[in-house]
Amino acid sequence: MSEYGAPPPPPPYGAVPPGQPAGGPPPPNYLVWAILTIFCCWPLAIPAIVFAAQVNGKWAQGDVAGAQDSSRKAKQFAMWGTIIGVVGTILYFILVVGLGIAGSTTGS
């Protein structure tokens, strides 16, 4: 039985009070990587930027799981956008060089 005006009991061990982030650093937001992915594959860069922008806000609100999930999704979209962009660029140059060589040998 507590008296009126007495402070509330402390939260259980390991619990994070609402509105306060957990101890430790926030998860990485991958915002720079997401922005640079625009030059590789912009359709995947857009969701990467959106998820990257959500990380710090969710962390500040105390939504640790949401911040980690947004960080993971931002990393996945940025990674796939980079992979698709690099593979697409390599294939483009192979086709351009291959067609250029084939065109110059048959044009004589």
N, C-alpha and C. Protein backbone atom coordinates (compact mmCIF):
# COMPACT_ATOMS: atom_id res chain seq x y z
N MET A 1 0.83 -1.16 0.00
CA MET A 1 0.00 0.00 0.00
C MET A 1 0.88 1.24 0.00
N SER A 2 0.77 2.02 -1.03
CA SER A 2 1.59 3.22 -1.11
C SER A 2 0.75 4.45 -0.78
N GLU A 3 1.41 5.44 -0.32
CA GLU A 3 0.74 6.69 0.03
C GLU A 3 0.53 7.51 -1.23
N TYR A 4 -0.43 8.39 -1.15
CA TYR A 4 -0.67 9.30 -2.27
C TYR A 4 0.55 10.20 -2.44
N GLY A 5 1.06 10.30 -3.65
CA GLY A 5 2.22 11.13 -3.93
C GLY A 5 3.53 10.39 -3.82
N ALA A 6 3.50 9.15 -3.41
CA ALA A 6 4.75 8.37 -3.34
C ALA A 6 5.16 7.97 -4.75
N PRO A 7 6.44 7.89 -5.01
CA PRO A 7 6.89 7.52 -6.35
C PRO A 7 6.46 6.09 -6.68
N PRO A 8 6.23 5.82 -7.94
CA PRO A 8 5.83 4.46 -8.33
C PRO A 8 6.99 3.50 -8.13
N PRO A 9 6.70 2.23 -8.02
CA PRO A 9 7.78 1.26 -7.84
C PRO A 9 8.64 1.19 -9.10
N PRO A 10 9.88 0.81 -8.98
CA PRO A 10 10.75 0.73 -10.17
C PRO A 10 10.27 -0.39 -11.10
N PRO A 11 10.56 -0.24 -12.40
CA PRO A 11 10.16 -1.29 -13.35
C PRO A 11 10.94 -2.57 -13.09
N PRO A 12 10.41 -3.70 -13.52
CA PRO A 12 11.13 -4.96 -13.34
C PRO A 12 12.48 -4.92 -14.05
N TYR A 13 13.37 -5.77 -13.57
CA TYR A 13 14.72 -5.80 -14.14
C TYR A 13 14.65 -6.10 -15.63
N GLY A 14 15.33 -5.31 -16.44
CA GLY A 14 15.40 -5.51 -17.89
C GLY A 14 14.28 -4.83 -18.65
N ALA A 15 13.27 -4.30 -17.98
CA ALA A 15 12.18 -3.63 -18.67
C ALA A 15 12.58 -2.21 -19.00
N VAL A 16 12.13 -1.73 -20.15
CA VAL A 16 12.43 -0.36 -20.58
C VAL A 16 11.15 0.45 -20.43
N PRO A 17 11.20 1.55 -19.68
CA PRO A 17 10.00 2.38 -19.55
C PRO A 17 9.57 2.91 -20.91
N PRO A 18 8.26 3.07 -21.13
CA PRO A 18 7.81 3.57 -22.43
C PRO A 18 8.36 4.96 -22.71
N GLY A 19 8.72 5.16 -23.95
CA GLY A 19 9.24 6.46 -24.37
C GLY A 19 10.72 6.65 -24.13
N GLN A 20 11.38 5.64 -23.59
CA GLN A 20 12.81 5.75 -23.35
C GLN A 20 13.53 4.61 -24.06
N PRO A 21 14.57 4.91 -24.83
CA PRO A 21 15.29 3.86 -25.53
C PRO A 21 16.07 2.98 -24.56
N ALA A 22 16.31 1.76 -24.98
CA ALA A 22 17.09 0.84 -24.16
C ALA A 22 18.53 1.31 -24.11
N GLY A 23 19.27 0.81 -23.15
CA GLY A 23 20.67 1.16 -23.06
C GLY A 23 21.44 0.64 -24.26
N GLY A 24 22.51 1.29 -24.56
CA GLY A 24 23.33 0.88 -25.70
C GLY A 24 23.05 1.74 -26.92
N PRO A 25 23.85 1.55 -27.94
CA PRO A 25 23.69 2.37 -29.14
C PRO A 25 22.49 1.91 -29.97
N PRO A 26 21.91 2.83 -30.73
CA PRO A 26 20.80 2.44 -31.61
C PRO A 26 21.33 1.59 -32.77
N PRO A 27 20.47 0.83 -33.42
CA PRO A 27 20.93 0.04 -34.56
C PRO A 27 21.32 0.97 -35.71
N PRO A 28 22.21 0.53 -36.58
CA PRO A 28 22.61 1.38 -37.71
C PRO A 28 21.43 1.63 -38.63
N ASN A 29 21.36 2.83 -39.20
CA ASN A 29 20.21 3.14 -40.05
C ASN A 29 20.51 2.96 -41.55
N TYR A 30 21.76 2.84 -41.95
CA TYR A 30 22.14 2.59 -43.34
C TYR A 30 21.61 3.66 -44.30
N LEU A 31 21.42 4.88 -43.82
CA LEU A 31 20.83 5.93 -44.65
C LEU A 31 21.76 6.32 -45.80
N VAL A 32 23.05 6.43 -45.54
CA VAL A 32 23.98 6.82 -46.61
C VAL A 32 24.00 5.76 -47.70
N TRP A 33 24.07 4.49 -47.30
CA TRP A 33 24.06 3.39 -48.27
C TRP A 33 22.75 3.41 -49.06
N ALA A 34 21.63 3.65 -48.39
CA ALA A 34 20.34 3.68 -49.06
C ALA A 34 20.28 4.82 -50.08
N ILE A 35 20.83 5.97 -49.73
CA ILE A 35 20.83 7.10 -50.66
C ILE A 35 21.72 6.80 -51.86
N LEU A 36 22.88 6.19 -51.63
CA LEU A 36 23.78 5.86 -52.75
C LEU A 36 23.21 4.77 -53.64
N THR A 37 22.29 3.97 -53.13
CA THR A 37 21.66 2.92 -53.92
C THR A 37 20.79 3.50 -55.03
N ILE A 38 20.44 4.77 -54.91
CA ILE A 38 19.65 5.43 -55.97
C ILE A 38 20.38 5.32 -57.30
N PHE A 39 21.71 5.38 -57.28
CA PHE A 39 22.49 5.32 -58.51
C PHE A 39 22.60 3.90 -59.07
N CYS A 40 22.25 2.91 -58.27
CA CYS A 40 22.33 1.51 -58.72
C CYS A 40 20.97 1.01 -59.18
N CYS A 41 19.98 1.13 -58.32
CA CYS A 41 18.65 0.60 -58.62
C CYS A 41 17.63 1.40 -57.81
N TRP A 42 17.12 2.47 -58.38
CA TRP A 42 16.27 3.37 -57.62
C TRP A 42 14.96 2.75 -57.13
N PRO A 43 14.35 1.76 -57.83
CA PRO A 43 13.13 1.19 -57.27
C PRO A 43 13.34 0.51 -55.91
N LEU A 44 14.52 -0.03 -55.66
CA LEU A 44 14.81 -0.62 -54.36
C LEU A 44 15.40 0.40 -53.40
N ALA A 45 15.92 1.51 -53.92
CA ALA A 45 16.49 2.54 -53.05
C ALA A 45 15.41 3.30 -52.30
N ILE A 46 14.25 3.46 -52.89
CA ILE A 46 13.18 4.22 -52.24
C ILE A 46 12.73 3.56 -50.93
N PRO A 47 12.38 2.25 -50.93
CA PRO A 47 12.03 1.66 -49.64
C PRO A 47 13.21 1.60 -48.68
N ALA A 48 14.43 1.47 -49.20
CA ALA A 48 15.60 1.47 -48.32
C ALA A 48 15.72 2.80 -47.59
N ILE A 49 15.49 3.90 -48.29
CA ILE A 49 15.56 5.22 -47.67
C ILE A 49 14.43 5.39 -46.65
N VAL A 50 13.24 4.91 -46.99
CA VAL A 50 12.10 5.04 -46.07
C VAL A 50 12.37 4.27 -44.77
N PHE A 51 12.83 3.04 -44.88
CA PHE A 51 13.10 2.25 -43.67
C PHE A 51 14.29 2.83 -42.89
N ALA A 52 15.30 3.32 -43.60
CA ALA A 52 16.45 3.91 -42.92
C ALA A 52 16.05 5.16 -42.14
N ALA A 53 15.12 5.92 -42.69
CA ALA A 53 14.67 7.13 -42.01
C ALA A 53 13.81 6.82 -40.78
N GLN A 54 13.25 5.62 -40.70
CA GLN A 54 12.40 5.26 -39.57
C GLN A 54 13.19 4.80 -38.35
N VAL A 55 14.44 4.40 -38.53
CA VAL A 55 15.20 3.76 -37.45
C VAL A 55 15.35 4.68 -36.25
N ASN A 56 15.86 5.87 -36.45
CA ASN A 56 16.13 6.76 -35.31
C ASN A 56 14.85 7.21 -34.61
N GLY A 57 13.79 7.43 -35.37
CA GLY A 57 12.53 7.82 -34.76
C GLY A 57 11.95 6.73 -33.88
N LYS A 58 11.98 5.51 -34.38
CA LYS A 58 11.48 4.39 -33.58
C LYS A 58 12.34 4.17 -32.34
N TRP A 59 13.64 4.35 -32.50
CA TRP A 59 14.54 4.18 -31.35
C TRP A 59 14.24 5.23 -30.28
N ALA A 60 14.03 6.46 -30.72
CA ALA A 60 13.76 7.55 -29.78
C ALA A 60 12.43 7.35 -29.05
N GLN A 61 11.48 6.66 -29.67
CA GLN A 61 10.19 6.39 -29.04
C GLN A 61 10.25 5.18 -28.13
N GLY A 62 11.37 4.48 -28.12
CA GLY A 62 11.51 3.31 -27.28
C GLY A 62 11.11 2.02 -27.97
N ASP A 63 10.80 2.08 -29.26
CA ASP A 63 10.41 0.89 -30.02
C ASP A 63 11.68 0.21 -30.53
N VAL A 64 12.31 -0.55 -29.66
CA VAL A 64 13.58 -1.18 -29.99
C VAL A 64 13.40 -2.21 -31.09
N ALA A 65 12.37 -3.05 -30.98
CA ALA A 65 12.13 -4.09 -31.98
C ALA A 65 11.82 -3.46 -33.34
N GLY A 66 11.03 -2.40 -33.34
CA GLY A 66 10.71 -1.71 -34.60
C GLY A 66 11.93 -1.07 -35.22
N ALA A 67 12.79 -0.49 -34.41
CA ALA A 67 14.02 0.13 -34.92
C ALA A 67 14.94 -0.93 -35.52
N GLN A 68 15.05 -2.07 -34.85
CA GLN A 68 15.89 -3.15 -35.38
C GLN A 68 15.31 -3.72 -36.66
N ASP A 69 13.99 -3.85 -36.73
CA ASP A 69 13.34 -4.36 -37.93
C ASP A 69 13.53 -3.40 -39.10
N SER A 70 13.34 -2.11 -38.86
CA SER A 70 13.54 -1.11 -39.93
C SER A 70 15.00 -1.09 -40.38
N SER A 71 15.93 -1.25 -39.45
CA SER A 71 17.35 -1.30 -39.80
C SER A 71 17.64 -2.50 -40.69
N ARG A 72 17.07 -3.65 -40.31
CA ARG A 72 17.29 -4.87 -41.10
C ARG A 72 16.71 -4.73 -42.51
N LYS A 73 15.50 -4.16 -42.61
CA LYS A 73 14.86 -3.99 -43.91
C LYS A 73 15.62 -2.97 -44.77
N ALA A 74 16.10 -1.89 -44.15
CA ALA A 74 16.87 -0.89 -44.90
C ALA A 74 18.14 -1.53 -45.47
N LYS A 75 18.79 -2.35 -44.66
CA LYS A 75 20.01 -3.02 -45.11
C LYS A 75 19.70 -3.98 -46.26
N GLN A 76 18.62 -4.74 -46.15
CA GLN A 76 18.27 -5.70 -47.19
C GLN A 76 17.95 -5.00 -48.50
N PHE A 77 17.12 -3.94 -48.46
CA PHE A 77 16.77 -3.24 -49.69
C PHE A 77 18.00 -2.58 -50.31
N ALA A 78 18.86 -1.99 -49.49
CA ALA A 78 20.07 -1.35 -50.01
C ALA A 78 21.01 -2.40 -50.61
N MET A 79 21.13 -3.55 -49.94
CA MET A 79 22.02 -4.60 -50.45
C MET A 79 21.51 -5.14 -51.79
N TRP A 80 20.23 -5.46 -51.85
CA TRP A 80 19.69 -5.99 -53.11
C TRP A 80 19.73 -4.95 -54.22
N GLY A 81 19.48 -3.70 -53.91
CA GLY A 81 19.58 -2.65 -54.91
C GLY A 81 20.99 -2.50 -55.44
N THR A 82 21.97 -2.60 -54.55
CA THR A 82 23.37 -2.51 -54.97
C THR A 82 23.76 -3.71 -55.82
N ILE A 83 23.36 -4.90 -55.40
CA ILE A 83 23.70 -6.11 -56.16
C ILE A 83 23.08 -6.05 -57.55
N ILE A 84 21.80 -5.72 -57.63
CA ILE A 84 21.13 -5.64 -58.94
C ILE A 84 21.77 -4.57 -59.80
N GLY A 85 22.11 -3.43 -59.22
CA GLY A 85 22.73 -2.36 -59.99
C GLY A 85 24.10 -2.74 -60.52
N VAL A 86 24.92 -3.40 -59.70
CA VAL A 86 26.27 -3.79 -60.14
C VAL A 86 26.19 -4.88 -61.20
N VAL A 87 25.34 -5.88 -60.98
CA VAL A 87 25.20 -6.96 -61.96
C VAL A 87 24.64 -6.41 -63.27
N GLY A 88 23.66 -5.53 -63.19
CA GLY A 88 23.10 -4.92 -64.39
C GLY A 88 24.12 -4.09 -65.16
N THR A 89 24.95 -3.35 -64.44
CA THR A 89 25.99 -2.56 -65.10
C THR A 89 27.01 -3.45 -65.78
N ILE A 90 27.41 -4.51 -65.12
CA ILE A 90 28.38 -5.45 -65.71
C ILE A 90 27.79 -6.09 -66.96
N LEU A 91 26.54 -6.54 -66.88
CA LEU A 91 25.91 -7.14 -68.06
C LEU A 91 25.76 -6.13 -69.19
N TYR A 92 25.45 -4.90 -68.86
CA TYR A 92 25.33 -3.86 -69.88
C TYR A 92 26.66 -3.66 -70.61
N PHE A 93 27.75 -3.57 -69.87
CA PHE A 93 29.04 -3.37 -70.52
C PHE A 93 29.47 -4.59 -71.30
N ILE A 94 29.15 -5.78 -70.83
CA ILE A 94 29.47 -6.99 -71.59
C ILE A 94 28.70 -6.99 -72.90
N LEU A 95 27.44 -6.64 -72.87
CA LEU A 95 26.64 -6.60 -74.10
C LEU A 95 27.12 -5.51 -75.04
N VAL A 96 27.44 -4.33 -74.53
CA VAL A 96 27.88 -3.24 -75.38
C VAL A 96 29.21 -3.58 -76.03
N VAL A 97 30.16 -4.09 -75.23
CA VAL A 97 31.46 -4.46 -75.79
C VAL A 97 31.30 -5.65 -76.73
N GLY A 98 30.49 -6.62 -76.33
CA GLY A 98 30.29 -7.81 -77.18
C GLY A 98 29.62 -7.45 -78.49
N LEU A 99 28.60 -6.61 -78.47
CA LEU A 99 27.93 -6.22 -79.70
C LEU A 99 28.81 -5.27 -80.51
N GLY A 100 29.62 -4.47 -79.83
CA GLY A 100 30.51 -3.57 -80.55
C GLY A 100 31.57 -4.34 -81.31
N ILE A 101 32.14 -5.37 -80.69
CA ILE A 101 33.14 -6.19 -81.36
C ILE A 101 32.50 -7.00 -82.47
N ALA A 102 31.33 -7.57 -82.23
CA ALA A 102 30.64 -8.36 -83.25
C ALA A 102 30.23 -7.47 -84.42
N GLY A 103 29.80 -6.26 -84.14
CA GLY A 103 29.40 -5.34 -85.19
C GLY A 103 30.57 -4.86 -86.02
N SER A 104 31.74 -4.69 -85.41
CA SER A 104 32.89 -4.19 -86.16
C SER A 104 33.50 -5.29 -87.01
N THR A 105 33.38 -6.54 -86.63
CA THR A 105 33.95 -7.63 -87.44
C THR A 105 33.04 -8.01 -88.59
N THR A 106 31.74 -7.87 -88.46
CA THR A 106 30.83 -8.24 -89.54
C THR A 106 30.58 -7.09 -90.48
N GLY A 107 30.94 -5.89 -90.10
CA GLY A 107 30.71 -4.72 -90.94
C GLY A 107 31.76 -4.53 -92.05
N SER A 108 32.84 -5.32 -92.08
CA SER A 108 33.91 -5.11 -93.06
C SER A 108 33.57 -5.62 -94.42
